[in-house]
C-alpha atoms as a PDB file:
ATOM      1  CA  MET A   1     -47.901  11.354 -34.291  1.00  0.00           C
ATOM      2  CA  ARG A   2     -47.335   9.441 -31.042  1.00  0.00           C
ATOM      3  CA  HIS A   3     -43.545   9.873 -31.263  1.00  0.00           C
ATOM      4  CA  ARG A   4     -43.876  13.627 -31.785  1.00  0.00           C
ATOM      5  CA  CYS A   5     -46.452  13.772 -29.006  1.00  0.00           C
ATOM      6  CA  THR A   6     -44.303  12.069 -26.387  1.00  0.00           C
ATOM      7  CA  VAL A   7     -41.290  14.203 -27.264  1.00  0.00           C
ATOM      8  CA  LEU A   8     -43.336  17.371 -26.753  1.00  0.00           C
ATOM      9  CA  VAL A   9     -44.805  16.103 -23.499  1.00  0.00           C
ATOM     10  CA  SER A  10     -41.291  15.272 -22.320  1.00  0.00           C
ATOM     11  CA  LEU A  11     -40.159  18.832 -22.942  1.00  0.00           C
ATOM     12  CA  VAL A  12     -43.153  20.352 -21.166  1.00  0.00           C
ATOM     13  CA  ALA A  13     -42.916  17.979 -18.216  1.00  0.00           C
ATOM     14  CA  ALA A  14     -39.177  18.449 -17.825  1.00  0.00           C
ATOM     15  CA  ALA A  15     -39.643  22.201 -17.610  1.00  0.00           C
ATOM     16  CA  LEU A  16     -42.330  21.762 -14.958  1.00  0.00           C
ATOM     17  CA  ALA A  17     -40.221  19.284 -13.002  1.00  0.00           C
ATOM     18  CA  CYS A  18     -37.442  21.837 -12.677  1.00  0.00           C
ATOM     19  CA  ASN A  19     -39.776  24.687 -11.717  1.00  0.00           C
ATOM     20  CA  SER A  20     -42.518  23.016  -9.701  1.00  0.00           C
ATOM     21  CA  PRO A  21     -43.509  25.337  -6.838  1.00  0.00           C
ATOM     22  CA  ASP A  22     -44.521  22.424  -4.608  1.00  0.00           C
ATOM     23  CA  ALA A  23     -41.279  20.495  -5.037  1.00  0.00           C
ATOM     24  CA  ALA A  24     -38.795  20.660  -2.171  1.00  0.00           C
ATOM     25  CA  ALA A  25     -35.962  21.071  -4.678  1.00  0.00           C
ATOM     26  CA  PRO A  26     -35.642  20.849  -8.442  1.00  0.00           C
ATOM     27  CA  GLU A  27     -35.161  17.287  -9.589  1.00  0.00           C
ATOM     28  CA  VAL A  28     -32.194  16.320 -11.679  1.00  0.00           C
ATOM     29  CA  CYS A  29     -33.665  13.746 -14.013  1.00  0.00           C
ATOM     30  CA  PRO A  30     -31.357  10.741 -14.419  1.00  0.00           C
ATOM     31  CA  ALA A  31     -30.877   9.075 -17.759  1.00  0.00           C
ATOM     32  CA  SER A  32     -33.484   6.464 -18.639  1.00  0.00           C
ATOM     33  CA  SER A  33     -33.157   3.811 -21.279  1.00  0.00           C
ATOM     34  CA  GLY A  34     -34.819   4.879 -24.503  1.00  0.00           C
ATOM     35  CA  ALA A  35     -37.689   3.223 -26.304  1.00  0.00           C
ATOM     36  CA  PRO A  36     -37.898   1.783 -29.790  1.00  0.00           C
ATOM     37  CA  ALA A  37     -39.743   3.743 -32.436  1.00  0.00           C
ATOM     38  CA  ALA A  38     -43.339   3.989 -31.293  1.00  0.00           C
ATOM     39  CA  ALA A  39     -46.123   2.695 -33.482  1.00  0.00           C
ATOM     40  CA  PRO A  40     -48.478   5.274 -35.001  1.00  0.00           C
ATOM     41  CA  ALA A  41     -51.326   6.193 -32.700  1.00  0.00           C
ATOM     42  CA  PRO A  42     -54.363   4.062 -33.540  1.00  0.00           C
ATOM     43  CA  ALA A  43     -57.386   5.802 -35.024  1.00  0.00           C
ATOM     44  CA  HIS A  44     -60.204   6.014 -32.530  1.00  0.00           C
ATOM     45  CA  ALA A  45     -63.222   8.109 -31.678  1.00  0.00           C
ATOM     46  CA  PRO A  46     -62.581  11.050 -29.348  1.00  0.00           C
ATOM     47  CA  PHE A  47     -63.035  10.280 -25.676  1.00  0.00           C
ATOM     48  CA  GLN A  48     -62.929  12.079 -22.347  1.00  0.00           C
ATOM     49  CA  ILE A  49     -61.213  11.182 -19.081  1.00  0.00           C
ATOM     50  CA  LEU A  50     -61.382  12.488 -15.523  1.00  0.00           C
ATOM     51  CA  VAL A  51     -58.066  12.853 -13.677  1.00  0.00           C
ATOM     52  CA  PHE A  52     -58.592  12.746  -9.912  1.00  0.00           C
ATOM     53  CA  SER A  53     -55.649  13.640  -7.678  1.00  0.00           C
ATOM     54  CA  ARG A  54     -57.094  14.281  -4.226  1.00  0.00           C
ATOM     55  CA  THR A  55     -54.800  13.495  -1.307  1.00  0.00           C
ATOM     56  CA  THR A  56     -55.550  13.249   2.401  1.00  0.00           C
ATOM     57  CA  GLY A  57     -52.192  11.633   3.184  1.00  0.00           C
ATOM     58  CA  TYR A  58     -48.796  12.149   1.593  1.00  0.00           C
ATOM     59  CA  ARG A  59     -48.903  14.517  -1.382  1.00  0.00           C
ATOM     60  CA  HIS A  60     -46.583  13.913  -4.321  1.00  0.00           C
ATOM     61  CA  ALA A  61     -44.872  16.994  -5.747  1.00  0.00           C
ATOM     62  CA  SER A  62     -45.187  15.372  -9.193  1.00  0.00           C
ATOM     63  CA  ILE A  63     -48.992  15.670  -9.364  1.00  0.00           C
ATOM     64  CA  ALA A  64     -49.098  19.005 -11.204  1.00  0.00           C
ATOM     65  CA  THR A  65     -46.525  17.770 -13.701  1.00  0.00           C
ATOM     66  CA  GLY A  66     -48.468  14.546 -14.211  1.00  0.00           C
ATOM     67  CA  ILE A  67     -51.717  16.387 -14.900  1.00  0.00           C
ATOM     68  CA  THR A  68     -50.034  18.586 -17.493  1.00  0.00           C
ATOM     69  CA  ALA A  69     -48.427  15.576 -19.149  1.00  0.00           C
ATOM     70  CA  ILE A  70     -51.783  13.791 -19.442  1.00  0.00           C
ATOM     71  CA  GLU A  71     -53.409  16.936 -20.844  1.00  0.00           C
ATOM     72  CA  VAL A  72     -50.743  17.194 -23.535  1.00  0.00           C
ATOM     73  CA  LEU A  73     -51.056  13.482 -24.318  1.00  0.00           C
ATOM     74  CA  GLY A  74     -54.768  14.076 -24.783  1.00  0.00           C
ATOM     75  CA  ALA A  75     -54.216  17.044 -27.073  1.00  0.00           C
ATOM     76  CA  PHE A  76     -52.146  14.877 -29.418  1.00  0.00           C
ATOM     77  CA  ASN A  77     -54.192  11.682 -29.144  1.00  0.00           C
ATOM     78  CA  ASP A  78     -57.773  12.882 -29.525  1.00  0.00           C
ATOM     79  CA  PHE A  79     -58.999  12.798 -25.949  1.00  0.00           C
ATOM     80  CA  THR A  80     -59.933  15.548 -23.541  1.00  0.00           C
ATOM     81  CA  VAL A  81     -58.936  15.757 -19.895  1.00  0.00           C
ATOM     82  CA  GLU A  82     -60.781  17.214 -16.944  1.00  0.00           C
ATOM     83  CA  ALA A  83     -58.729  17.364 -13.742  1.00  0.00           C
ATOM     84  CA  THR A  84     -60.225  17.766 -10.288  1.00  0.00           C
ATOM     85  CA  GLU A  85     -59.618  17.175  -6.598  1.00  0.00           C
ATOM     86  CA  ASP A  86     -63.285  17.666  -5.724  1.00  0.00           C
ATOM     87  CA  PRO A  87     -64.863  14.392  -4.559  1.00  0.00           C
ATOM     88  CA  ALA A  88     -68.296  15.793  -5.429  1.00  0.00           C
ATOM     89  CA  ALA A  89     -67.398  14.917  -9.048  1.00  0.00           C
ATOM     90  CA  PHE A  90     -68.190  11.310  -8.143  1.00  0.00           C
ATOM     91  CA  ASN A  91     -71.884  11.172  -8.835  1.00  0.00           C
ATOM     92  CA  ASP A  92     -73.750   9.211 -11.498  1.00  0.00           C
ATOM     93  CA  THR A  93     -74.555  12.166 -13.749  1.00  0.00           C
ATOM     94  CA  ASN A  94     -71.064  13.620 -13.803  1.00  0.00           C
ATOM     95  CA  LEU A  95     -69.172  10.338 -14.091  1.00  0.00           C
ATOM     96  CA  ALA A  96     -71.275   9.325 -17.101  1.00  0.00           C
ATOM     97  CA  ARG A  97     -69.492  12.054 -19.104  1.00  0.00           C
ATOM     98  CA  PHE A  98     -66.177  10.186 -18.926  1.00  0.00           C
ATOM     99  CA  ASP A  99     -64.871   7.042 -20.595  1.00  0.00           C
ATOM    100  CA  ALA A 100     -62.281   6.462 -17.870  1.00  0.00           C
ATOM    101  CA  VAL A 101     -61.191   7.862 -14.522  1.00  0.00           C
ATOM    102  CA  VAL A 102     -57.511   8.237 -13.602  1.00  0.00           C
ATOM    103  CA  PHE A 103     -56.464   8.197  -9.947  1.00  0.00           C
ATOM    104  CA  LEU A 104     -53.170  10.108 -10.189  1.00  0.00           C
ATOM    105  CA  SER A 105     -51.072   9.608  -7.042  1.00  0.00           C
ATOM    106  CA  THR A 106     -54.093   9.807  -4.755  1.00  0.00           C
ATOM    107  CA  THR A 107     -53.581   9.001  -1.066  1.00  0.00           C
ATOM    108  CA  GLY A 108     -55.728   8.447   1.991  1.00  0.00           C
ATOM    109  CA  GLU A 109     -59.504   8.476   2.258  1.00  0.00           C
ATOM    110  CA  ILE A 110     -60.751  10.482  -0.713  1.00  0.00           C
ATOM    111  CA  LEU A 111     -64.423   9.523  -1.279  1.00  0.00           C
ATOM    112  CA  ASP A 112     -67.392   9.153   1.054  1.00  0.00           C
ATOM    113  CA  GLU A 113     -69.759   6.167   0.898  1.00  0.00           C
ATOM    114  CA  SER A 114     -72.156   7.694  -1.625  1.00  0.00           C
ATOM    115  CA  GLN A 115     -69.285   8.702  -3.882  1.00  0.00           C
ATOM    116  CA  GLN A 116     -67.771   5.231  -3.616  1.00  0.00           C
ATOM    117  CA  ALA A 117     -71.103   3.693  -4.581  1.00  0.00           C
ATOM    118  CA  ALA A 118     -71.343   5.973  -7.641  1.00  0.00           C
ATOM    119  CA  PHE A 119     -67.845   4.927  -8.734  1.00  0.00           C
ATOM    120  CA  GLU A 120     -68.713   1.246  -8.312  1.00  0.00           C
ATOM    121  CA  ARG A 121     -71.781   1.705 -10.523  1.00  0.00           C
ATOM    122  CA  TYR A 122     -69.614   3.553 -13.050  1.00  0.00           C
ATOM    123  CA  ILE A 123     -67.170   0.645 -13.366  1.00  0.00           C
ATOM    124  CA  ARG A 124     -69.967  -1.942 -13.516  1.00  0.00           C
ATOM    125  CA  ALA A 125     -71.460   0.028 -16.411  1.00  0.00           C
ATOM    126  CA  GLY A 126     -68.358  -0.848 -18.434  1.00  0.00           C
ATOM    127  CA  HIS A 127     -66.105   2.171 -17.946  1.00  0.00           C
ATOM    128  CA  GLY A 128     -62.350   2.310 -17.358  1.00  0.00           C
ATOM    129  CA  PHE A 129     -60.020   2.981 -14.452  1.00  0.00           C
ATOM    130  CA  VAL A 130     -56.328   3.943 -14.494  1.00  0.00           C
ATOM    131  CA  GLY A 131     -54.304   3.963 -11.287  1.00  0.00           C
ATOM    132  CA  VAL A 132     -50.923   5.668 -11.079  1.00  0.00           C
ATOM    133  CA  HIS A 133     -48.370   5.118  -8.306  1.00  0.00           C
ATOM    134  CA  SER A 134     -49.958   5.839  -4.914  1.00  0.00           C
ATOM    135  CA  ALA A 135     -53.436   5.005  -6.155  1.00  0.00           C
ATOM    136  CA  SER A 136     -52.588   1.785  -4.278  1.00  0.00           C
ATOM    137  CA  ASP A 137     -51.944   3.854  -1.098  1.00  0.00           C
ATOM    138  CA  THR A 138     -55.559   5.002  -1.088  1.00  0.00           C
ATOM    139  CA  GLU A 139     -58.866   4.011   0.570  1.00  0.00           C
ATOM    140  CA  TYR A 140     -57.651   1.167   2.801  1.00  0.00           C
ATOM    141  CA  GLY A 141     -61.153   0.715   4.174  1.00  0.00           C
ATOM    142  CA  TRP A 142     -62.745   0.086   0.748  1.00  0.00           C
ATOM    143  CA  PRO A 143     -62.125  -3.562  -0.221  1.00  0.00           C
ATOM    144  CA  TRP A 144     -63.919  -3.250  -3.567  1.00  0.00           C
ATOM    145  CA  TYR A 145     -61.510  -0.530  -4.659  1.00  0.00           C
ATOM    146  CA  HIS A 146     -58.434  -2.611  -3.885  1.00  0.00           C
ATOM    147  CA  ALA A 147     -59.928  -5.552  -5.787  1.00  0.00           C
ATOM    148  CA  LEU A 148     -60.473  -3.191  -8.729  1.00  0.00           C
ATOM    149  CA  LEU A 149     -56.912  -1.895  -8.525  1.00  0.00           C
ATOM    150  CA  GLY A 150     -55.457  -5.365  -7.929  1.00  0.00           C
ATOM    151  CA  ALA A 151     -53.123  -4.855  -4.954  1.00  0.00           C
ATOM    152  CA  THR A 152     -52.454  -2.722  -1.884  1.00  0.00           C
ATOM    153  CA  PHE A 153     -49.344  -0.691  -1.070  1.00  0.00           C
ATOM    154  CA  ALA A 154     -47.181  -1.987   1.768  1.00  0.00           C
ATOM    155  CA  SER A 155     -43.838  -0.154   1.706  1.00  0.00           C
ATOM    156  CA  HIS A 156     -41.044   1.223  -0.452  1.00  0.00           C
ATOM    157  CA  PRO A 157     -37.290   1.729  -0.241  1.00  0.00           C
ATOM    158  CA  ALA A 158     -35.485   4.930  -1.211  1.00  0.00           C
ATOM    159  CA  ILE A 159     -35.813   6.229  -4.760  1.00  0.00           C
ATOM    160  CA  GLN A 160     -33.148   4.482  -6.857  1.00  0.00           C
ATOM    161  CA  PRO A 161     -32.411   3.054 -10.309  1.00  0.00           C
ATOM    162  CA  ALA A 162     -33.745  -0.395 -11.154  1.00  0.00           C
ATOM    163  CA  THR A 163     -34.409  -2.665 -14.095  1.00  0.00           C
ATOM    164  CA  VAL A 164     -37.971  -3.185 -15.320  1.00  0.00           C
ATOM    165  CA  ILE A 165     -38.699  -6.353 -17.291  1.00  0.00           C
ATOM    166  CA  VAL A 166     -41.596  -6.250 -19.750  1.00  0.00           C
ATOM    167  CA  VAL A 167     -43.587  -9.440 -19.237  1.00  0.00           C
ATOM    168  CA  ASP A 168     -46.279  -8.949 -21.887  1.00  0.00           C
ATOM    169  CA  PRO A 169     -44.919  -6.850 -24.776  1.00  0.00           C
ATOM    170  CA  GLY A 170     -48.065  -7.147 -26.878  1.00  0.00           C
ATOM    171  CA  GLN A 171     -50.297  -4.759 -24.955  1.00  0.00           C
ATOM    172  CA  PRO A 172     -50.979  -1.073 -25.750  1.00  0.00           C
ATOM    173  CA  SER A 173     -49.020   0.077 -22.699  1.00  0.00           C
ATOM    174  CA  THR A 174     -45.977  -2.149 -23.310  1.00  0.00           C
ATOM    175  CA  ARG A 175     -45.491  -2.528 -27.050  1.00  0.00           C
ATOM    176  CA  ALA A 176     -43.326   0.622 -27.299  1.00  0.00           C
ATOM    177  CA  LEU A 177     -41.227  -0.043 -24.180  1.00  0.00           C
ATOM    178  CA  PRO A 178     -37.563  -1.033 -24.106  1.00  0.00           C
ATOM    179  CA  ASN A 179     -36.900  -4.450 -22.596  1.00  0.00           C
ATOM    180  CA  PRO A 180     -35.129  -4.395 -20.241  1.00  0.00           C
ATOM    181  CA  TRP A 181     -36.036  -0.868 -19.183  1.00  0.00           C
ATOM    182  CA  GLU A 182     -33.581   0.942 -16.923  1.00  0.00           C
ATOM    183  CA  ARG A 183     -35.120   3.801 -14.943  1.00  0.00           C
ATOM    184  CA  THR A 184     -35.285   5.514 -11.563  1.00  0.00           C
ATOM    185  CA  ASP A 185     -38.395   5.558  -9.396  1.00  0.00           C
ATOM    186  CA  GLU A 186     -39.820   4.719  -5.977  1.00  0.00           C
ATOM    187  CA  TRP A 187     -40.355   0.956  -6.163  1.00  0.00           C
ATOM    188  CA  TYR A 188     -43.473  -0.167  -4.313  1.00  0.00           C
ATOM    189  CA  ASN A 189     -43.884  -3.391  -2.376  1.00  0.00           C
ATOM    190  CA  PHE A 190     -47.428  -4.713  -1.981  1.00  0.00           C
ATOM    191  CA  THR A 191     -49.188  -6.621   0.778  1.00  0.00           C
ATOM    192  CA  ALA A 192     -49.711  -9.560  -1.620  1.00  0.00           C
ATOM    193  CA  GLN A 193     -49.345 -10.490  -5.267  1.00  0.00           C
ATOM    194  CA  PRO A 194     -52.175  -9.037  -7.390  1.00  0.00           C
ATOM    195  CA  ALA A 195     -54.822 -11.667  -8.072  1.00  0.00           C
ATOM    196  CA  ASP A 196     -56.551 -12.401 -11.380  1.00  0.00           C
ATOM    197  CA  VAL A 197     -54.632  -9.786 -13.371  1.00  0.00           C
ATOM    198  CA  THR A 198     -52.424  -9.787 -16.455  1.00  0.00           C
ATOM    199  CA  VAL A 199     -48.985  -8.686 -15.294  1.00  0.00           C
ATOM    200  CA  LEU A 200     -47.476  -6.346 -17.867  1.00  0.00           C
ATOM    201  CA  ALA A 201     -44.120  -5.549 -16.274  1.00  0.00           C
ATOM    202  CA  ARG A 202     -42.111  -6.487 -13.213  1.00  0.00           C
ATOM    203  CA  VAL A 203     -39.166  -4.892 -11.459  1.00  0.00           C
ATOM    204  CA  ASP A 204     -36.027  -6.985 -11.045  1.00  0.00           C
ATOM    205  CA  GLU A 205     -35.262  -7.040  -7.318  1.00  0.00           C
ATOM    206  CA  ALA A 206     -31.672  -8.033  -8.060  1.00  0.00           C
ATOM    207  CA  SER A 207     -31.170  -4.606  -9.647  1.00  0.00           C
ATOM    208  CA  TYR A 208     -31.926  -2.529  -6.526  1.00  0.00           C
ATOM    209  CA  THR A 209     -32.228  -2.819  -2.750  1.00  0.00           C
ATOM    210  CA  GLY A 210     -35.392  -2.967  -0.665  1.00  0.00           C
ATOM    211  CA  GLY A 211     -37.698  -5.213  -2.685  1.00  0.00           C
ATOM    212  CA  THR A 212     -39.811  -7.701  -0.716  1.00  0.00           C
ATOM    213  CA  MET A 213     -41.907  -9.434  -3.392  1.00  0.00           C
ATOM    214  CA  GLY A 214     -39.315 -11.897  -4.664  1.00  0.00           C
ATOM    215  CA  ALA A 215     -38.428 -12.898  -8.199  1.00  0.00           C
ATOM    216  CA  LEU A 216     -41.897 -12.051  -9.492  1.00  0.00           C
ATOM    217  CA  HIS A 217     -42.374  -8.452  -8.412  1.00  0.00           C
ATOM    218  CA  PRO A 218     -45.192  -6.947 -10.523  1.00  0.00           C
ATOM    219  CA  ILE A 219     -45.026  -3.231 -11.168  1.00  0.00           C
ATOM    220  CA  SER A 220     -47.721  -2.770 -13.845  1.00  0.00           C
ATOM    221  CA  TRP A 221     -50.801  -4.836 -14.696  1.00  0.00           C
ATOM    222  CA  GLN A 222     -54.338  -4.796 -16.084  1.00  0.00           C
ATOM    223  CA  HIS A 223     -57.559  -6.778 -15.803  1.00  0.00           C
ATOM    224  CA  VAL A 224     -61.279  -6.709 -16.492  1.00  0.00           C
ATOM    225  CA  TYR A 225     -63.213  -6.263 -13.268  1.00  0.00           C
ATOM    226  CA  GLU A 226     -67.000  -6.368 -12.816  1.00  0.00           C
ATOM    227  CA  GLY A 227     -67.568  -5.228 -16.391  1.00  0.00           C
ATOM    228  CA  GLY A 228     -64.982  -2.437 -16.400  1.00  0.00           C
ATOM    229  CA  ARG A 229     -61.299  -2.268 -17.312  1.00  0.00           C
ATOM    230  CA  ALA A 230     -58.632  -1.472 -14.711  1.00  0.00           C
ATOM    231  CA  TRP A 231     -54.979  -0.660 -15.501  1.00  0.00           C
ATOM    232  CA  TYR A 232     -52.314   0.203 -12.929  1.00  0.00           C
ATOM    233  CA  THR A 233     -48.670   1.227 -12.805  1.00  0.00           C
ATOM    234  CA  ALA A 234     -46.801   1.616  -9.531  1.00  0.00           C
ATOM    235  CA  MET A 235     -44.293   3.875 -11.276  1.00  0.00           C
ATOM    236  CA  GLY A 236     -44.623   7.655 -11.473  1.00  0.00           C
ATOM    237  CA  HIS A 237     -43.420   8.979  -8.110  1.00  0.00           C
ATOM    238  CA  THR A 238     -41.037  11.563  -9.525  1.00  0.00           C
ATOM    239  CA  ALA A 239     -41.786  14.594 -11.654  1.00  0.00           C
ATOM    240  CA  CYS A 240     -39.005  13.337 -13.907  1.00  0.00           C
ATOM    241  CA  SER A 241     -41.139  10.307 -14.756  1.00  0.00           C
ATOM    242  CA  TYR A 242     -43.396  12.610 -16.763  1.00  0.00           C
ATOM    243  CA  SER A 243     -40.488  13.722 -18.934  1.00  0.00           C
ATOM    244  CA  GLU A 244     -39.585  10.126 -19.910  1.00  0.00           C
ATOM    245  CA  ARG A 245     -40.775   9.116 -23.331  1.00  0.00           C
ATOM    246  CA  ALA A 246     -41.096   5.439 -22.379  1.00  0.00           C
ATOM    247  CA  PHE A 247     -43.084   6.197 -19.223  1.00  0.00           C
ATOM    248  CA  LEU A 248     -45.403   8.453 -21.223  1.00  0.00           C
ATOM    249  CA  ASP A 249     -45.881   5.747 -23.867  1.00  0.00           C
ATOM    250  CA  GLN A 250     -46.787   3.341 -21.063  1.00  0.00           C
ATOM    251  CA  LEU A 251     -49.252   5.780 -19.504  1.00  0.00           C
ATOM    252  CA  LEU A 252     -50.879   6.619 -22.827  1.00  0.00           C
ATOM    253  CA  GLY A 253     -51.266   2.939 -23.655  1.00  0.00           C
ATOM    254  CA  GLY A 254     -52.824   2.283 -20.256  1.00  0.00           C
ATOM    255  CA  ILE A 255     -55.372   5.045 -20.750  1.00  0.00           C
ATOM    256  CA  GLU A 256     -56.227   3.769 -24.223  1.00  0.00           C
ATOM    257  CA  TRP A 257     -56.602   0.183 -22.996  1.00  0.00           C
ATOM    258  CA  ALA A 258     -58.851   1.308 -20.137  1.00  0.00           C
ATOM    259  CA  VAL A 259     -61.264   2.977 -22.557  1.00  0.00           C
ATOM    260  CA  GLY A 260     -61.305  -0.096 -24.811  1.00  0.00           C
ATOM    261  CA  ILE A 261     -58.873   0.816 -27.590  1.00  0.00           C
ATOM    262  CA  PRO A 262     -56.974  -2.341 -28.641  1.00  0.00           C
END
C-alpha cells in the first residue's frame, strides 16, 4: 500500500509543481536516486494531524504542493489532515484533537505568547511535532521552540544537487531510503549542531558547495523532548521534493514516528 501511495502522491505533487500559481516559474524536477521497495505500511489506529504553514517572512512556493502531498499520504495511510494558517488554532481545546502538529515551511513570528504556551502544554502532554525545512527559520525569540526542533537556521547556498548519507537506517523515516541518496534541494546550515538528538541523515559537504557544518552536517533528526516526540527534516524547499518517492517515504515515516508508531 505504501508503494502505491507514494507513487500516486508523486504524480499529484508533480502536476501541482508544474502549475503552482504562486511559483515564479514552473520547476523542472531533476532526477533523484530511487528508493528500494518500501515495506508495507504498518497497521495502526487512525490518527489526525494539524499542518500549520503560516509565514511572516519568506514564503515558499512549495507550501501548497506540500499540503496536498501530506493530505494524499493521509488518505492512503489512515490519518486525516487539517491544514491552517490561522494561529488561533493553537489553543488547548483545539490542539487536543490532533496527535501531531506539522510546521510546514513556516517562517518568522507565527504565534503569540498565549498560543506558544498552549503548544508547549500540548507537547508536554505527550503529542508529536514534525518540522519541515524552514520550520527552523521560525520564532527566533522562542528558545523553547528551538530546543524542541533541535537547531536554528543560519544560512544556505544556492539550490543544487548533493549527496545525503543515511546515518540511522532503522527508523521509520529512513528504512525505505536509498543510501547514498542523490537529490536536489536547498541545503541549510545551522547556528550549531543539534543537541541531544538522534541524527537520521546528513548531507555530504564534499558533494556540493556552500556547506559550513563540516564532515558531520545533519539534515534530518528526531528526539523525545519534554514528553513529546519531535522529528525534523531540513529538506523540502522545492515543490519537486513533494514528487519524490524517497522524500515522501521520509516525510511519512517522520509523521508516523512523531505520533508514536514504531
